[in-house]
Amino acid sequence: MTASNLPPIQEPARTLPVRASYDVLVVGGGPSGLTAALAAAEDGLKVGLIESRSFVGGNMTIGLPVLGFLGQKKNQIINGLPQKFIDRLRAVQGASEHRWCPLHMGITLVEPEAVKSVALQMLLEAGVDVTFYAFCAGVVMDGDTIRGIVIESKSGREAVLGKIVIDCTGDADVAYRAGVPCEKGSKETGGMQPPTLMFCIGGVDTDKLRMSIATQTRTYLTDFIPAEYFGQNNQFIVVGLRELIAKARAERKLNIPNERTIIITGLREGEVWINMTRVAGTDGTDVRSLSDGEIEARKQIDDIFVYLKNYVPGFEKCFFTKTAPFLGIRETRRIVGAYTMTQEDVLGCRRFEDSIAVASYPIDIHRPGDEGCTLIWCGDCYDIPYRSLVPQKIQNLLVAGRSISTTHEAMGAIRVMATCMAMGEAAGRAAKQAVHTGVTPAQVDVAKLQAELLARGAYLRPAEAGA
């Protein structure tokens, strides 16, 4: 019998103990949740953060660089709390400066272990009550108003309440359980971007790698990034080397489900992170699919390592060190909010009167149907409207991160971490204002929210008339 054919089990009703009650409850401790909690706690409100893992930082802890701090015109477009976090990391040699990149606009390298420590330190300093090892298993509702969530942990099943709840799970877990309309995947097929299990390799001669690309461009072609870039930068991202993958497949029959080599240098000498496993068809909201995806990704690592060691310059003496603690999920649920951002908004560099963040990352979609990637640049920046953080139908709830209200295409642009951090800061400040003034998030005075964001160092553009 498959699970779908088994008869359901009737669970008896039970009374849940209330573990805690907060002014603002943030669910999810990734890039958006971290900044949401910090922003909400600035004026002394009681703020709680629920995280299912044993650490905060989310995708900043899996070997990825932080993308999005710089715009397509090389200007810094995200500041405020996200920048303060990077500054704290840099103080302990846990982050690089923001580096211009012709493909990704700006890359900021971060050390995963430093992220975990510094993020937690900042939360505790701000007075945020952090609870680890707790899954959101349900919601506490009063009509169309969310009062809190139900958690499952070693302590059992409990309720955690909040006057305002911010869903920063990345998968819209809270919003979905509360009854907010949600979408997944592309409009045409429902296909979602495949996830990646990052892994780390030591002993790489990164100078040999970059100079090989800089001086032997016909052999080591890269996507969009000119060869001279590698001659000028000792920390970098390589995207390309398609011919080398094709050769390795032909000669060794290697299973490499990616047409591009993606190498990210670490902050430590000789360390690189590899972004090449690709598990098509994985649904990050389904436990069986996630489990199968993790298993398949780990199988793929072996052949990718053989390829790198035997075909890519600088990897001749390399050794495997570690895998990321979880799959890097690019796409799952997106809420339907008061406004849905579109591809046209991104490519048209749209300004919004209720802008709460500015982004510039291109539409970047790892296509679910093949091994390729779609990249489309807008030429400048675009705004993220507050209305896209406000879900339909449910009161007292905000959403920040990649699961805000967008189309599949627009999500491919706003999903990067610096942008998510900026959304988190805006959501935290909006929640704080809602608590202080006794209104719902939909009723927040956006002009006052924007004024506070600017006063605290965030970057916003003035809206155009009629936007």
Protein backbone atom coordinates (compact mmCIF):
# COMPACT_ATOMS: atom_id res chain seq x y z
CA MET A 1 0.00 0.00 0.00
CA THR A 2 1.23 3.48 -0.82
CA ALA A 3 0.77 6.21 1.73
CA SER A 4 -1.98 7.80 -0.35
CA ASN A 5 -4.00 4.56 -0.25
CA LEU A 6 -3.73 3.96 3.48
CA PRO A 7 -6.77 4.80 5.59
CA PRO A 8 -6.45 8.06 7.53
CA ILE A 9 -5.96 8.12 11.28
CA GLN A 10 -8.38 10.17 13.34
CA GLU A 11 -6.46 12.23 15.92
CA PRO A 12 -8.50 13.18 19.00
CA ALA A 13 -8.88 16.85 19.86
CA ARG A 14 -6.60 18.08 22.62
CA THR A 15 -5.87 21.20 24.59
CA LEU A 16 -2.48 22.74 23.84
CA PRO A 17 -0.32 24.54 26.37
CA VAL A 18 0.79 28.04 25.36
CA ARG A 19 4.57 28.16 25.44
CA ALA A 20 4.90 31.93 24.95
CA SER A 21 3.14 35.07 23.76
CA TYR A 22 4.88 37.93 21.93
CA ASP A 23 4.17 41.30 20.44
CA VAL A 24 5.76 40.10 17.20
CA LEU A 25 6.30 36.43 16.34
CA VAL A 26 8.75 35.67 13.52
CA VAL A 27 8.69 32.17 12.07
CA GLY A 28 11.88 31.18 10.26
CA GLY A 29 15.41 32.37 11.03
CA GLY A 30 16.85 32.73 7.54
CA PRO A 31 17.96 36.00 5.92
CA SER A 32 14.49 37.60 6.04
CA GLY A 33 13.60 36.26 9.50
CA LEU A 34 16.85 37.44 11.02
CA THR A 35 16.35 41.04 9.93
CA ALA A 36 12.61 40.99 10.63
CA ALA A 37 13.23 40.01 14.25
CA LEU A 38 16.03 42.57 14.68
CA ALA A 39 13.87 45.36 13.26
CA ALA A 40 10.81 44.47 15.32
CA ALA A 41 12.82 44.36 18.54
CA GLU A 42 14.56 47.72 18.22
CA ASP A 43 12.09 49.69 20.35
CA GLY A 44 11.75 47.16 23.13
CA LEU A 45 8.83 45.07 21.91
CA LYS A 46 8.69 41.44 22.99
CA VAL A 47 9.80 39.50 19.91
CA GLY A 48 10.04 35.75 19.47
CA LEU A 49 11.78 33.82 16.69
CA ILE A 50 10.94 30.18 15.93
CA GLU A 51 13.48 28.16 13.91
CA SER A 52 13.27 24.47 12.99
CA ARG A 53 17.04 23.96 12.83
CA SER A 54 19.71 24.38 15.50
CA PHE A 55 21.02 27.66 14.06
CA VAL A 56 19.89 30.84 12.32
CA GLY A 57 21.08 32.14 8.98
CA GLY A 58 19.23 29.85 6.56
CA ASN A 59 20.73 29.84 3.08
CA MET A 60 23.60 32.04 4.27
CA THR A 61 24.97 28.91 5.98
CA ILE A 62 25.14 26.57 2.97
CA GLY A 63 28.14 28.00 1.10
CA LEU A 64 26.35 30.48 -1.12
CA PRO A 65 27.48 34.09 -1.49
CA VAL A 66 24.98 36.80 -0.62
CA LEU A 67 23.72 38.32 -3.87
CA GLY A 68 21.87 41.58 -4.34
CA PHE A 69 23.62 44.33 -2.37
CA LEU A 70 24.76 46.04 -5.59
CA GLY A 71 22.67 47.19 -8.51
CA GLN A 72 23.26 46.81 -12.22
CA LYS A 73 24.89 50.26 -12.25
CA LYS A 74 27.37 49.15 -9.54
CA ASN A 75 25.66 51.25 -6.85
CA GLN A 76 24.75 49.86 -3.42
CA ILE A 77 20.97 49.50 -3.30
CA ILE A 78 20.52 47.58 -0.04
CA ASN A 79 21.71 49.04 3.23
CA GLY A 80 20.23 49.36 6.73
CA LEU A 81 20.11 46.23 8.88
CA PRO A 82 21.41 43.92 6.11
CA GLN A 83 24.54 46.06 5.87
CA LYS A 84 24.91 46.16 9.66
CA PHE A 85 24.89 42.37 9.64
CA ILE A 86 27.62 42.24 6.99
CA ASP A 87 29.63 44.81 8.97
CA ARG A 88 29.45 42.56 12.04
CA LEU A 89 30.59 39.62 9.95
CA ARG A 90 33.49 41.57 8.49
CA ALA A 91 34.61 42.52 12.00
CA VAL A 92 35.37 38.82 12.60
CA GLN A 93 36.65 38.13 9.06
CA GLY A 94 33.37 36.41 8.26
CA ALA A 95 32.48 38.33 5.10
CA SER A 96 34.07 40.04 2.13
CA GLU A 97 33.27 43.48 0.81
CA HIS A 98 30.54 43.73 -1.83
CA ARG A 99 32.29 42.77 -5.07
CA TRP A 100 31.01 43.82 -8.48
CA CYS A 101 30.27 40.84 -10.75
CA PRO A 102 29.18 41.19 -14.41
CA LEU A 103 26.81 38.22 -14.04
CA HIS A 104 25.43 38.52 -10.50
CA MET A 105 25.80 42.30 -10.09
CA GLY A 106 27.23 42.09 -6.59
CA ILE A 107 28.56 39.14 -4.61
CA THR A 108 29.35 39.15 -0.91
CA LEU A 109 31.19 36.09 0.33
CA VAL A 110 30.27 34.92 3.82
CA GLU A 111 31.65 32.23 6.10
CA PRO A 112 28.77 29.90 7.10
CA GLU A 113 29.92 29.26 10.66
CA ALA A 114 30.47 32.96 11.27
CA VAL A 115 26.94 33.64 10.02
CA LYS A 116 25.49 31.24 12.58
CA SER A 117 27.40 32.81 15.48
CA VAL A 118 27.09 36.48 14.56
CA ALA A 119 23.40 36.24 13.67
CA LEU A 120 22.59 34.63 17.01
CA GLN A 121 24.69 37.17 18.90
CA MET A 122 22.81 40.05 17.27
CA LEU A 123 19.42 38.51 18.03
CA LEU A 124 20.28 37.92 21.67
CA GLU A 125 21.72 41.42 22.02
CA ALA A 126 18.43 42.78 20.65
CA GLY A 127 16.45 40.81 23.24
CA VAL A 128 14.84 38.43 20.76
CA ASP A 129 13.64 35.18 22.35
CA VAL A 130 15.01 32.46 20.05
CA THR A 131 13.53 28.95 20.03
CA PHE A 132 15.37 26.28 18.04
CA TYR A 133 14.29 22.74 17.08
CA ALA A 134 10.64 23.70 16.68
CA PHE A 135 8.56 23.10 13.54
CA CYS A 136 5.50 25.09 12.60
CA ALA A 137 2.82 22.38 12.52
CA GLY A 138 -0.30 24.52 12.42
CA VAL A 139 -1.82 27.89 13.16
CA VAL A 140 -4.03 29.40 15.84
CA MET A 141 -6.89 31.29 14.21
CA ASP A 142 -9.74 33.50 15.39
CA GLY A 143 -11.92 33.85 12.32
CA ASP A 144 -9.74 35.48 9.66
CA THR A 145 -7.17 36.67 12.22
CA ILE A 146 -4.03 34.69 13.02
CA ARG A 147 -3.22 34.62 16.71
CA GLY A 148 -0.11 32.45 16.55
CA ILE A 149 1.21 29.09 15.47
CA VAL A 150 1.30 25.50 16.70
CA ILE A 151 4.79 24.05 17.07
CA GLU A 152 6.03 20.48 17.34
CA SER A 153 9.25 19.79 19.20
CA LYS A 154 10.84 17.47 21.72
CA SER A 155 8.53 19.15 24.22
CA GLY A 156 5.47 18.02 22.30
CA ARG A 157 2.75 20.07 20.66
CA GLU A 158 2.38 23.65 21.92
CA ALA A 159 1.01 27.02 20.86
CA VAL A 160 3.07 30.17 20.47
CA LEU A 161 1.11 33.41 20.16
CA GLY A 162 1.85 36.81 18.65
CA LYS A 163 -0.07 40.03 18.12
CA ILE A 164 1.53 40.15 14.67
CA VAL A 165 3.03 37.11 12.95
CA ILE A 166 5.69 37.33 10.23
CA ASP A 167 6.10 34.28 7.99
CA CYS A 168 9.78 34.05 6.99
CA THR A 169 9.82 30.30 6.37
CA GLY A 170 10.61 30.71 2.67
CA ASP A 171 7.87 28.20 1.89
CA ALA A 172 4.90 30.27 3.16
CA ASP A 173 4.29 27.51 5.73
CA VAL A 174 2.39 29.77 8.13
CA ALA A 175 0.42 31.60 5.45
CA TYR A 176 -0.56 28.35 3.71
CA ARG A 177 -1.78 26.76 6.94
CA ALA A 178 -3.71 29.91 7.79
CA GLY A 179 -5.63 29.74 4.53
CA VAL A 180 -3.82 32.35 2.44
CA PRO A 181 -4.17 31.53 -1.27
CA CYS A 182 -0.81 30.25 -2.58
CA GLU A 183 0.73 29.32 -5.92
CA LYS A 184 3.66 27.08 -6.88
CA GLY A 185 5.80 26.92 -9.98
CA SER A 186 5.25 28.31 -13.45
CA LYS A 187 1.79 29.16 -14.73
CA GLU A 188 2.20 26.86 -17.73
CA THR A 189 3.44 23.63 -16.12
CA GLY A 190 3.64 24.20 -12.37
CA GLY A 191 7.32 23.26 -12.55
CA MET A 192 9.56 24.71 -9.84
CA GLN A 193 13.24 25.55 -9.99
CA PRO A 194 15.33 22.52 -8.94
CA PRO A 195 17.20 22.67 -5.63
CA THR A 196 20.94 22.22 -5.13
CA LEU A 197 22.95 20.54 -2.38
CA MET A 198 26.08 22.65 -2.03
CA PHE A 199 29.37 21.01 -1.11
CA CYS A 200 32.82 22.27 -0.17
CA ILE A 201 36.25 21.29 -1.51
CA GLY A 202 39.65 22.18 -0.06
CA GLY A 203 43.12 22.22 -1.52
CA VAL A 204 42.14 24.08 -4.70
CA ASP A 205 44.68 26.30 -6.42
CA THR A 206 42.25 29.14 -7.08
CA ASP A 207 44.97 31.32 -8.63
CA LYS A 208 45.67 28.62 -11.22
CA LEU A 209 41.95 28.36 -11.92
CA ARG A 210 41.37 32.07 -12.41
CA MET A 211 44.50 32.64 -14.47
CA SER A 212 43.68 29.68 -16.69
CA ILE A 213 40.35 31.30 -17.43
CA ALA A 214 41.94 34.73 -17.89
CA THR A 215 44.66 33.54 -20.29
CA GLN A 216 43.11 30.52 -22.05
CA THR A 217 39.67 31.86 -22.87
CA ARG A 218 39.08 29.55 -25.81
CA THR A 219 39.49 26.51 -23.56
CA TYR A 220 37.82 27.79 -20.41
CA LEU A 221 34.81 29.80 -21.56
CA THR A 222 32.58 31.36 -18.90
CA ASP A 223 29.01 32.65 -19.14
CA PHE A 224 28.67 36.46 -19.29
CA ILE A 225 31.78 37.11 -17.18
CA PRO A 226 34.68 38.40 -19.32
CA ALA A 227 38.03 36.68 -18.98
CA GLU A 228 39.80 39.81 -17.73
CA TYR A 229 37.56 39.81 -14.64
CA PHE A 230 39.32 36.69 -13.35
CA GLY A 231 42.74 38.23 -13.85
CA GLN A 232 41.74 41.09 -11.55
CA ASN A 233 39.87 39.24 -8.76
CA ASN A 234 41.19 36.53 -6.46
CA GLN A 235 37.75 35.81 -5.02
CA PHE A 236 35.12 35.07 -7.63
CA ILE A 237 32.34 32.92 -9.06
CA VAL A 238 32.94 30.76 -12.13
CA VAL A 239 29.88 29.97 -14.24
CA GLY A 240 30.46 28.08 -17.48
CA LEU A 241 33.18 25.65 -18.62
CA ARG A 242 30.45 23.83 -20.57
CA GLU A 243 32.96 22.23 -22.92
CA LEU A 244 34.81 20.62 -20.02
CA ILE A 245 31.60 19.06 -18.70
CA ALA A 246 30.75 17.73 -22.16
CA LYS A 247 34.23 16.20 -22.42
CA ALA A 248 33.98 14.58 -18.98
CA ARG A 249 30.58 13.13 -19.81
CA ALA A 250 31.87 11.70 -23.09
CA GLU A 251 35.11 10.26 -21.73
CA ARG A 252 34.01 8.99 -18.32
CA LYS A 253 30.23 8.65 -18.70
CA LEU A 254 29.77 10.86 -15.66
CA ASN A 255 26.30 11.74 -14.38
CA ILE A 256 26.42 15.54 -14.15
CA PRO A 257 22.86 16.92 -14.43
CA ASN A 258 24.01 20.48 -15.08
CA GLU A 259 25.33 22.04 -18.26
CA ARG A 260 27.38 24.64 -16.37
CA THR A 261 30.25 24.46 -13.90
CA ILE A 262 29.51 26.74 -10.94
CA ILE A 263 32.41 27.34 -8.54
CA ILE A 264 32.37 29.87 -5.68
CA THR A 265 35.59 30.70 -3.88
CA GLY A 266 35.43 30.69 -0.10
CA LEU A 267 36.99 33.16 2.29
CA ARG A 268 39.63 30.63 3.32
CA GLU A 269 42.62 29.95 1.08
CA GLY A 270 42.11 26.96 -1.21
CA GLU A 271 38.43 26.54 -0.30
CA VAL A 272 35.65 26.51 -2.87
CA TRP A 273 31.93 25.76 -2.77
CA ILE A 274 30.31 23.88 -5.65
CA ASN A 275 26.81 24.73 -6.86
CA MET A 276 26.26 21.94 -9.40
CA THR A 277 23.96 19.25 -8.02
CA ARG A 278 20.51 19.63 -9.54
CA VAL A 279 17.48 17.61 -8.48
CA ALA A 280 14.70 18.33 -10.95
CA GLY A 281 11.14 17.66 -9.84
CA THR A 282 11.80 18.15 -6.14
CA ASP A 283 8.98 19.77 -4.18
CA GLY A 284 10.37 21.51 -1.12
CA THR A 285 6.97 21.37 0.59
CA ASP A 286 6.70 17.56 0.43
CA VAL A 287 8.75 15.49 2.87
CA ARG A 288 9.04 12.45 0.58
CA SER A 289 10.14 14.59 -2.33
CA LEU A 290 12.64 16.44 -0.15
CA SER A 291 14.06 13.17 1.16
CA ASP A 292 14.40 11.72 -2.34
CA GLY A 293 16.01 14.97 -3.48
CA GLU A 294 18.60 14.86 -0.70
CA ILE A 295 19.44 11.25 -1.53
CA GLU A 296 19.78 11.96 -5.25
CA ALA A 297 21.88 15.09 -4.71
CA ARG A 298 24.35 13.18 -2.55
CA LYS A 299 24.70 10.58 -5.31
CA GLN A 300 25.47 13.31 -7.83
CA ILE A 301 28.33 14.73 -5.76
CA ASP A 302 30.62 11.78 -6.48
CA ASP A 303 30.67 12.24 -10.26
CA ILE A 304 30.88 16.02 -9.99
CA PHE A 305 33.95 15.68 -7.75
CA VAL A 306 35.60 13.30 -10.26
CA TYR A 307 34.92 15.82 -13.01
CA LEU A 308 36.39 18.75 -11.09
CA LYS A 309 39.52 16.89 -9.98
CA ASN A 310 40.33 15.54 -13.43
CA TYR A 311 39.21 18.28 -15.80
CA VAL A 312 39.23 21.71 -14.14
CA PRO A 313 42.58 23.51 -13.64
CA GLY A 314 43.54 24.05 -10.01
CA PHE A 315 41.62 21.03 -8.71
CA GLU A 316 44.40 18.47 -9.24
CA LYS A 317 45.22 18.15 -5.52
CA CYS A 318 41.80 18.95 -4.12
CA PHE A 319 39.96 17.01 -1.42
CA PHE A 320 36.33 16.83 -0.32
CA THR A 321 35.53 18.53 3.00
CA LYS A 322 31.79 18.81 3.66
CA THR A 323 28.27 19.13 2.33
CA ALA A 324 25.82 21.87 3.22
CA PRO A 325 23.47 21.09 6.12
CA PHE A 326 20.39 21.02 3.85
CA LEU A 327 19.24 21.35 0.25
CA GLY A 328 19.21 24.87 -1.12
CA ILE A 329 15.59 25.38 -2.18
CA ARG A 330 15.04 27.99 -4.89
CA GLU A 331 11.28 27.92 -5.17
CA THR A 332 8.17 26.57 -3.47
CA ARG A 333 4.97 28.38 -2.49
CA ARG A 334 4.26 32.02 -3.21
CA ILE A 335 1.41 33.80 -1.47
CA VAL A 336 -1.29 35.71 -3.30
CA GLY A 337 -1.10 39.13 -1.71
CA ALA A 338 -2.59 42.58 -2.06
CA TYR A 339 -0.36 43.04 -5.11
CA THR A 340 1.46 40.43 -7.21
CA MET A 341 4.79 41.49 -8.68
CA THR A 342 5.29 40.49 -12.31
CA GLN A 343 8.07 40.03 -14.82
CA GLU A 344 6.95 43.32 -16.39
CA ASP A 345 7.48 45.11 -13.08
CA VAL A 346 11.04 43.78 -12.88
CA LEU A 347 12.05 44.36 -16.49
CA GLY A 348 10.30 47.75 -16.57
CA CYS A 349 12.26 48.97 -13.52
CA ARG A 350 8.91 49.73 -11.92
CA ARG A 351 8.63 52.21 -9.07
CA PHE A 352 5.88 51.87 -6.46
CA GLU A 353 4.45 54.45 -4.11
CA ASP A 354 4.54 51.83 -1.35
CA SER A 355 8.10 50.66 -2.08
CA ILE A 356 9.84 49.14 0.93
CA ALA A 357 12.98 47.81 -0.80
CA VAL A 358 14.94 48.22 -4.01
CA ALA A 359 16.33 45.28 -5.98
CA SER A 360 18.34 44.84 -9.14
CA TYR A 361 19.09 41.13 -9.46
CA PRO A 362 18.09 39.76 -12.88
CA ILE A 363 15.34 37.26 -13.51
CA ASP A 364 17.34 34.09 -12.85
CA ILE A 365 15.43 30.86 -13.38
CA HIS A 366 17.08 27.45 -13.22
CA ARG A 367 14.63 25.90 -15.65
CA PRO A 368 12.72 22.89 -14.27
CA GLY A 369 12.42 21.22 -17.68
CA ASP A 370 16.08 21.02 -18.75
CA GLU A 371 19.63 21.66 -17.55
CA GLY A 372 19.69 25.31 -18.52
CA CYS A 373 19.09 28.68 -16.93
CA THR A 374 17.19 31.78 -18.06
CA LEU A 375 18.76 35.15 -17.26
CA ILE A 376 17.15 38.50 -18.11
CA TRP A 377 18.46 41.87 -16.90
CA CYS A 378 16.43 45.06 -16.56
CA GLY A 379 19.36 47.48 -16.83
CA ASP A 380 18.81 49.21 -13.50
CA CYS A 381 16.67 48.72 -10.35
CA TYR A 382 13.06 47.93 -9.48
CA ASP A 383 11.01 48.44 -6.33
CA ILE A 384 9.34 45.85 -4.11
CA PRO A 385 5.93 47.09 -2.94
CA TYR A 386 4.73 46.67 0.63
CA ARG A 387 1.44 45.25 -0.70
CA SER A 388 3.29 42.14 -1.91
CA LEU A 389 4.13 41.32 1.71
CA VAL A 390 0.50 41.58 2.80
CA PRO A 391 -1.46 38.35 2.20
CA GLN A 392 -5.05 38.15 1.11
CA LYS A 393 -7.83 36.97 3.45
CA ILE A 394 -5.84 36.71 6.69
CA GLN A 395 -5.33 39.53 9.19
CA ASN A 396 -2.30 40.18 11.45
CA LEU A 397 0.07 38.31 9.13
CA LEU A 398 3.01 39.51 7.03
CA VAL A 399 5.24 37.49 4.71
CA ALA A 400 8.87 38.27 3.85
CA GLY A 401 11.41 36.47 1.69
CA ARG A 402 11.05 34.56 -1.56
CA SER A 403 7.45 33.52 -0.84
CA ILE A 404 6.00 37.04 -1.12
CA SER A 405 3.32 37.70 -3.75
CA THR A 406 5.02 37.39 -7.16
CA THR A 407 4.72 35.46 -10.36
CA HIS A 408 7.10 32.57 -11.04
CA GLU A 409 9.24 34.87 -13.20
CA ALA A 410 9.43 37.77 -10.74
CA MET A 411 10.26 35.36 -7.92
CA GLY A 412 13.31 34.35 -9.97
CA ALA A 413 14.59 37.90 -9.45
CA ILE A 414 13.61 38.77 -5.87
CA ARG A 415 14.64 35.45 -4.29
CA VAL A 416 18.30 36.33 -3.54
CA MET A 417 19.42 36.83 0.03
CA ALA A 418 20.21 40.55 0.26
CA THR A 419 16.79 41.34 -1.18
CA CYS A 420 15.16 38.95 1.28
CA MET A 421 16.99 40.64 4.15
CA ALA A 422 15.68 44.04 3.03
CA MET A 423 12.14 42.66 2.89
CA GLY A 424 12.60 41.22 6.36
CA GLU A 425 13.66 44.57 7.78
CA ALA A 426 10.60 46.23 6.23
CA ALA A 427 8.27 43.52 7.57
CA GLY A 428 9.74 43.81 11.07
CA ARG A 429 9.32 47.58 11.11
CA ALA A 430 5.78 47.31 9.74
CA ALA A 431 4.88 44.76 12.42
CA LYS A 432 6.29 47.03 15.11
CA GLN A 433 4.22 49.95 13.80
CA ALA A 434 1.09 47.78 13.70
CA VAL A 435 1.57 46.79 17.34
CA HIS A 436 2.23 50.36 18.50
CA THR A 437 -0.78 51.82 16.67
CA GLY A 438 -3.17 48.90 17.14
CA VAL A 439 -3.82 48.33 13.42
CA THR A 440 -3.45 45.37 11.07
CA PRO A 441 -0.48 45.14 8.68
CA ALA A 442 -2.78 46.12 5.80
CA GLN A 443 -3.61 49.35 7.65
CA VAL A 444 -0.02 50.37 8.38
CA ASP A 445 0.88 53.92 7.34
CA VAL A 446 3.36 53.12 4.57
CA ALA A 447 4.68 56.70 4.43
CA LYS A 448 5.68 56.41 8.11
CA LEU A 449 7.17 52.97 7.43
CA GLN A 450 9.24 54.38 4.58
CA ALA A 451 10.37 57.28 6.75
CA GLU A 452 11.58 54.89 9.44
CA LEU A 453 13.37 52.71 6.90
CA LEU A 454 15.19 55.75 5.52
CA ALA A 455 15.99 57.04 9.01
CA ARG A 456 17.52 53.67 9.89
CA GLY A 457 19.73 53.64 6.79
CA ALA A 458 17.72 51.66 4.25
CA TYR A 459 17.80 52.68 0.59
CA LEU A 460 14.59 53.64 -1.24
CA ARG A 461 13.88 55.48 -4.48
CA PRO A 462 11.22 58.19 -4.75
CA ALA A 463 8.09 56.95 -6.51
CA GLU A 464 7.13 58.39 -9.89
CA ALA A 465 3.82 60.12 -10.32
CA GLY A 466 1.03 57.73 -11.22
CA ALA A 467 2.91 54.58 -10.25
